[in-house]
PDB file of all heavy atoms in Angstrom:
ATOM      1  N   ALA A   1      27.389  17.059 -36.057  1.00  0.00           N
ATOM      2  CA  ALA A   1      28.540  17.109 -36.939  1.00  0.00           C
ATOM      3  C   ALA A   1      29.785  16.717 -36.170  1.00  0.00           C
ATOM      4  O   ALA A   1      29.886  16.935 -34.962  1.00  0.00           O
ATOM      5  CB  ALA A   1      28.698  18.505 -37.532  1.00  0.00           C
ATOM      6  N   ALA A   2      30.746  16.174 -36.900  1.00  0.00           N
ATOM      7  CA  ALA A   2      32.007  15.782 -36.292  1.00  0.00           C
ATOM      8  C   ALA A   2      33.155  16.164 -37.225  1.00  0.00           C
ATOM      9  O   ALA A   2      32.992  16.189 -38.447  1.00  0.00           O
ATOM     10  CB  ALA A   2      32.037  14.282 -36.023  1.00  0.00           C
ATOM     11  N   SER A   3      34.283  16.462 -36.625  1.00  0.00           N
ATOM     12  CA  SER A   3      35.446  16.871 -37.408  1.00  0.00           C
ATOM     13  C   SER A   3      36.661  16.050 -37.026  1.00  0.00           C
ATOM     14  O   SER A   3      36.815  15.645 -35.873  1.00  0.00           O
ATOM     15  CB  SER A   3      35.742  18.359 -37.155  1.00  0.00           C
ATOM     16  OG  SER A   3      36.894  18.761 -37.860  1.00  0.00           O
ATOM     17  N   SER A   4      37.535  15.821 -37.991  1.00  0.00           N
ATOM     18  CA  SER A   4      38.813  15.162 -37.722  1.00  0.00           C
ATOM     19  C   SER A   4      39.918  16.196 -37.509  1.00  0.00           C
ATOM     20  O   SER A   4      41.083  15.840 -37.353  1.00  0.00           O
ATOM     21  CB  SER A   4      39.185  14.226 -38.865  1.00  0.00           C
ATOM     22  OG  SER A   4      39.273  14.957 -40.079  1.00  0.00           O
ATOM     23  N   GLN A   5      39.542  17.462 -37.501  1.00  0.00           N
ATOM     24  CA  GLN A   5      40.497  18.548 -37.298  1.00  0.00           C
ATOM     25  C   GLN A   5      40.306  19.099 -35.901  1.00  0.00           C
ATOM     26  O   GLN A   5      39.236  19.593 -35.567  1.00  0.00           O
ATOM     27  CB  GLN A   5      40.265  19.654 -38.323  1.00  0.00           C
ATOM     28  CG  GLN A   5      40.326  19.178 -39.765  1.00  0.00           C
ATOM     29  CD  GLN A   5      39.815  20.248 -40.714  1.00  0.00           C
ATOM     30  OE1 GLN A   5      39.683  21.409 -40.347  1.00  0.00           O
ATOM     31  NE2 GLN A   5      39.513  19.850 -41.937  1.00  0.00           N
ATOM     32  N   SER A   6      41.353  19.075 -35.112  1.00  0.00           N
ATOM     33  CA  SER A   6      41.237  19.536 -33.729  1.00  0.00           C
ATOM     34  C   SER A   6      40.941  21.025 -33.644  1.00  0.00           C
ATOM     35  O   SER A   6      40.478  21.509 -32.616  1.00  0.00           O
ATOM     36  CB  SER A   6      42.516  19.226 -32.963  1.00  0.00           C
ATOM     37  OG  SER A   6      43.621  19.888 -33.561  1.00  0.00           O
ATOM     38  N   THR A   7      41.186  21.748 -34.737  1.00  0.00           N
ATOM     39  CA  THR A   7      40.967  23.194 -34.721  1.00  0.00           C
ATOM     40  C   THR A   7      39.561  23.601 -35.136  1.00  0.00           C
ATOM     41  O   THR A   7      39.237  24.783 -35.147  1.00  0.00           O
ATOM     42  CB  THR A   7      41.965  23.883 -35.665  1.00  0.00           C
ATOM     43  OG1 THR A   7      41.848  23.294 -36.977  1.00  0.00           O
ATOM     44  CG2 THR A   7      43.389  23.694 -35.171  1.00  0.00           C
ATOM     45  N   ALA A   8      38.726  22.650 -35.496  1.00  0.00           N
ATOM     46  CA  ALA A   8      37.363  22.991 -35.940  1.00  0.00           C
ATOM     47  C   ALA A   8      36.619  23.697 -34.822  1.00  0.00           C
ATOM     48  O   ALA A   8      36.626  23.255 -33.667  1.00  0.00           O
ATOM     49  CB  ALA A   8      36.623  21.742 -36.354  1.00  0.00           C
ATOM     50  N   THR A   9      35.959  24.782 -35.172  1.00  0.00           N
ATOM     51  CA  THR A   9      35.264  25.561 -34.142  1.00  0.00           C
ATOM     52  C   THR A   9      33.804  25.767 -34.502  1.00  0.00           C
ATOM     53  O   THR A   9      32.977  24.888 -34.296  1.00  0.00           O
ATOM     54  CB  THR A   9      35.978  26.906 -33.927  1.00  0.00           C
ATOM     55  OG1 THR A   9      36.097  27.589 -35.184  1.00  0.00           O
ATOM     56  CG2 THR A   9      37.345  26.696 -33.306  1.00  0.00           C
ATOM     57  N   LEU A  10      33.476  26.948 -35.073  1.00  0.00           N
ATOM     58  CA  LEU A  10      32.077  27.318 -35.226  1.00  0.00           C
ATOM     59  C   LEU A  10      31.559  27.266 -36.652  1.00  0.00           C
ATOM     60  O   LEU A  10      30.360  27.420 -36.868  1.00  0.00           O
ATOM     61  CB  LEU A  10      31.874  28.743 -34.689  1.00  0.00           C
ATOM     62  CG  LEU A  10      32.475  29.054 -33.321  1.00  0.00           C
ATOM     63  CD1 LEU A  10      32.152  30.477 -32.930  1.00  0.00           C
ATOM     64  CD2 LEU A  10      31.972  28.076 -32.281  1.00  0.00           C
ATOM     65  N   SER A  11      32.428  27.064 -37.610  1.00  0.00           N
ATOM     66  CA  SER A  11      32.025  27.110 -39.013  1.00  0.00           C
ATOM     67  C   SER A  11      31.692  25.721 -39.519  1.00  0.00           C
ATOM     68  O   SER A  11      32.450  24.772 -39.296  1.00  0.00           O
ATOM     69  CB  SER A  11      33.157  27.710 -39.849  1.00  0.00           C
ATOM     70  OG  SER A  11      32.813  27.700 -41.216  1.00  0.00           O
ATOM     71  N   ASP A  12      30.570  25.603 -40.222  1.00  0.00           N
ATOM     72  CA  ASP A  12      30.166  24.271 -40.653  1.00  0.00           C
ATOM     73  C   ASP A  12      31.110  23.674 -41.686  1.00  0.00           C
ATOM     74  O   ASP A  12      31.173  22.438 -41.815  1.00  0.00           O
ATOM     75  CB  ASP A  12      28.723  24.275 -41.170  1.00  0.00           C
ATOM     76  CG  ASP A  12      28.490  25.213 -42.336  1.00  0.00           C
ATOM     77  OD1 ASP A  12      29.443  25.884 -42.782  1.00  0.00           O
ATOM     78  OD2 ASP A  12      27.340  25.299 -42.800  1.00  0.00           O
ATOM     79  N   ASP A  13      31.850  24.479 -42.404  1.00  0.00           N
ATOM     80  CA  ASP A  13      32.762  23.903 -43.397  1.00  0.00           C
ATOM     81  C   ASP A  13      34.006  23.279 -42.768  1.00  0.00           C
ATOM     82  O   ASP A  13      34.845  22.713 -43.476  1.00  0.00           O
ATOM     83  CB  ASP A  13      33.144  24.933 -44.462  1.00  0.00           C
ATOM     84  CG  ASP A  13      33.844  26.145 -43.895  1.00  0.00           C
ATOM     85  OD1 ASP A  13      34.185  26.142 -42.699  1.00  0.00           O
ATOM     86  OD2 ASP A  13      34.049  27.111 -44.657  1.00  0.00           O
ATOM     87  N   GLU A  14      34.125  23.368 -41.447  1.00  0.00           N
ATOM     88  CA  GLU A  14      35.232  22.717 -40.744  1.00  0.00           C
ATOM     89  C   GLU A  14      34.882  21.299 -40.306  1.00  0.00           C
ATOM     90  O   GLU A  14      35.709  20.611 -39.726  1.00  0.00           O
ATOM     91  CB  GLU A  14      35.609  23.536 -39.521  1.00  0.00           C
ATOM     92  CG  GLU A  14      36.143  24.927 -39.856  1.00  0.00           C
ATOM     93  CD  GLU A  14      36.432  25.740 -38.604  1.00  0.00           C
ATOM     94  OE1 GLU A  14      35.479  25.989 -37.832  1.00  0.00           O
ATOM     95  OE2 GLU A  14      37.595  26.114 -38.399  1.00  0.00           O
ATOM     96  N   TYR A  15      33.645  20.876 -40.567  1.00  0.00           N
ATOM     97  CA  TYR A  15      33.186  19.563 -40.126  1.00  0.00           C
ATOM     98  C   TYR A  15      32.957  18.667 -41.340  1.00  0.00           C
ATOM     99  O   TYR A  15      32.300  19.062 -42.303  1.00  0.00           O
ATOM    100  CB  TYR A  15      31.901  19.713 -39.299  1.00  0.00           C
ATOM    101  CG  TYR A  15      32.154  20.398 -37.979  1.00  0.00           C
ATOM    102  CD1 TYR A  15      32.253  21.789 -37.902  1.00  0.00           C
ATOM    103  CD2 TYR A  15      32.347  19.659 -36.810  1.00  0.00           C
ATOM    104  CE1 TYR A  15      32.547  22.417 -36.695  1.00  0.00           C
ATOM    105  CE2 TYR A  15      32.623  20.283 -35.605  1.00  0.00           C
ATOM    106  CZ  TYR A  15      32.724  21.666 -35.558  1.00  0.00           C
ATOM    107  OH  TYR A  15      33.011  22.277 -34.366  1.00  0.00           O
ATOM    108  N   GLN A  16      33.530  17.467 -41.276  1.00  0.00           N
ATOM    109  CA  GLN A  16      33.508  16.565 -42.429  1.00  0.00           C
ATOM    110  C   GLN A  16      32.362  15.558 -42.376  1.00  0.00           C
ATOM    111  O   GLN A  16      31.993  15.004 -43.396  1.00  0.00           O
ATOM    112  CB  GLN A  16      34.825  15.790 -42.526  1.00  0.00           C
ATOM    113  CG  GLN A  16      36.052  16.645 -42.791  1.00  0.00           C
ATOM    114  CD  GLN A  16      36.567  17.306 -41.539  1.00  0.00           C
ATOM    115  OE1 GLN A  16      36.555  16.716 -40.461  1.00  0.00           O
ATOM    116  NE2 GLN A  16      36.997  18.551 -41.652  1.00  0.00           N
ATOM    117  N   TYR A  17      31.869  15.296 -41.204  1.00  0.00           N
ATOM    118  CA  TYR A  17      30.864  14.245 -41.038  1.00  0.00           C
ATOM    119  C   TYR A  17      29.581  14.863 -40.486  1.00  0.00           C
ATOM    120  O   TYR A  17      29.626  15.634 -39.518  1.00  0.00           O
ATOM    121  CB  TYR A  17      31.384  13.161 -40.093  1.00  0.00           C
ATOM    122  CG  TYR A  17      32.749  12.651 -40.484  1.00  0.00           C
ATOM    123  CD1 TYR A  17      33.881  13.027 -39.774  1.00  0.00           C
ATOM    124  CD2 TYR A  17      32.907  11.796 -41.569  1.00  0.00           C
ATOM    125  CE1 TYR A  17      35.130  12.577 -40.133  1.00  0.00           C
ATOM    126  CE2 TYR A  17      34.160  11.330 -41.942  1.00  0.00           C
ATOM    127  CZ  TYR A  17      35.262  11.726 -41.217  1.00  0.00           C
ATOM    128  OH  TYR A  17      36.504  11.281 -41.577  1.00  0.00           O
ATOM    129  N   TRP A  18      28.458  14.452 -41.076  1.00  0.00           N
ATOM    130  CA  TRP A  18      27.168  15.041 -40.725  1.00  0.00           C
ATOM    131  C   TRP A  18      26.099  13.982 -40.550  1.00  0.00           C
ATOM    132  O   TRP A  18      26.087  12.972 -41.265  1.00  0.00           O
ATOM    133  CB  TRP A  18      26.721  16.014 -41.817  1.00  0.00           C
ATOM    134  CG  TRP A  18      27.573  17.231 -41.876  1.00  0.00           C
ATOM    135  CD1 TRP A  18      28.750  17.385 -42.547  1.00  0.00           C
ATOM    136  CD2 TRP A  18      27.337  18.478 -41.194  1.00  0.00           C
ATOM    137  NE1 TRP A  18      29.252  18.645 -42.333  1.00  0.00           N
ATOM    138  CE2 TRP A  18      28.409  19.334 -41.516  1.00  0.00           C
ATOM    139  CE3 TRP A  18      26.326  18.940 -40.356  1.00  0.00           C
ATOM    140  CZ2 TRP A  18      28.498  20.640 -41.019  1.00  0.00           C
ATOM    141  CZ3 TRP A  18      26.410  20.232 -39.877  1.00  0.00           C
ATOM    142  CH2 TRP A  18      27.486  21.063 -40.199  1.00  0.00           C
ATOM    143  N   GLY A  19      25.212  14.226 -39.595  1.00  0.00           N
ATOM    144  CA  GLY A  19      24.032  13.407 -39.468  1.00  0.00           C
ATOM    145  C   GLY A  19      23.020  13.781 -40.535  1.00  0.00           C
ATOM    146  O   GLY A  19      23.190  14.743 -41.285  1.00  0.00           O
ATOM    147  N   GLN A  20      21.925  13.028 -40.562  1.00  0.00           N
ATOM    148  CA  GLN A  20      20.910  13.232 -41.604  1.00  0.00           C
ATOM    149  C   GLN A  20      20.008  14.414 -41.299  1.00  0.00           C
ATOM    150  O   GLN A  20      19.262  14.865 -42.174  1.00  0.00           O
ATOM    151  CB  GLN A  20      20.070  11.944 -41.762  1.00  0.00           C
ATOM    152  CG  GLN A  20      19.010  11.735 -40.699  1.00  0.00           C
ATOM    153  CD  GLN A  20      19.541  11.123 -39.401  1.00  0.00           C
ATOM    154  OE1 GLN A  20      20.758  11.070 -39.162  1.00  0.00           O
ATOM    155  NE2 GLN A  20      18.621  10.677 -38.553  1.00  0.00           N
ATOM    156  N   GLY A  21      20.047  14.906 -40.071  1.00  0.00           N
ATOM    157  CA  GLY A  21      19.190  16.024 -39.684  1.00  0.00           C
ATOM    158  C   GLY A  21      17.894  15.533 -39.072  1.00  0.00           C
ATOM    159  O   GLY A  21      17.350  14.504 -39.474  1.00  0.00           O
ATOM    160  N   THR A  22      17.418  16.275 -38.085  1.00  0.00           N
ATOM    161  CA  THR A  22      16.150  15.944 -37.454  1.00  0.00           C
ATOM    162  C   THR A  22      15.363  17.233 -37.223  1.00  0.00           C
ATOM    163  O   THR A  22      15.920  18.241 -36.791  1.00  0.00           O
ATOM    164  CB  THR A  22      16.370  15.164 -36.135  1.00  0.00           C
ATOM    165  OG1 THR A  22      15.119  14.731 -35.614  1.00  0.00           O
ATOM    166  CG2 THR A  22      17.076  16.013 -35.091  1.00  0.00           C
ATOM    167  N   GLN A  23      14.069  17.200 -37.515  1.00  0.00           N
ATOM    168  CA  GLN A  23      13.238  18.388 -37.451  1.00  0.00           C
ATOM    169  C   GLN A  23      12.765  18.650 -36.027  1.00  0.00           C
ATOM    170  O   GLN A  23      12.243  17.749 -35.366  1.00  0.00           O
ATOM    171  CB  GLN A  23      12.022  18.252 -38.365  1.00  0.00           C
ATOM    172  CG  GLN A  23      11.038  19.406 -38.309  1.00  0.00           C
ATOM    173  CD  GLN A  23      11.587  20.678 -38.934  1.00  0.00           C
ATOM    174  OE1 GLN A  23      12.130  20.634 -40.043  1.00  0.00           O
ATOM    175  NE2 GLN A  23      11.429  21.811 -38.248  1.00  0.00           N
ATOM    176  N   ILE A  24      12.942  19.892 -35.590  1.00  0.00           N
ATOM    177  CA  ILE A  24      12.379  20.368 -34.332  1.00  0.00           C
ATOM    178  C   ILE A  24      11.396  21.486 -34.666  1.00  0.00           C
ATOM    179  O   ILE A  24      11.760  22.453 -35.329  1.00  0.00           O
ATOM    180  CB  ILE A  24      13.456  20.929 -33.388  1.00  0.00           C
ATOM    181  CG1 ILE A  24      14.513  19.875 -33.081  1.00  0.00           C
ATOM    182  CG2 ILE A  24      12.825  21.471 -32.114  1.00  0.00           C
ATOM    183  CD1 ILE A  24      13.987  18.739 -32.246  1.00  0.00           C
ATOM    184  N   THR A  25      10.163  21.330 -34.217  1.00  0.00           N
ATOM    185  CA  THR A  25       9.159  22.359 -34.417  1.00  0.00           C
ATOM    186  C   THR A  25       8.606  22.775 -33.059  1.00  0.00           C
ATOM    187  O   THR A  25       8.122  21.922 -32.305  1.00  0.00           O
ATOM    188  CB  THR A  25       8.009  21.870 -35.315  1.00  0.00           C
ATOM    189  OG1 THR A  25       8.546  21.450 -36.577  1.00  0.00           O
ATOM    190  CG2 THR A  25       6.991  22.980 -35.537  1.00  0.00           C
TER     191      THR A  25
END
């Protein structure tokens, strides 16, 4: 995830851009 807000920390709603996800088993 990536954010355009310098204050983004630990909450996922602070991040605007997301990858598609990759499975780890």
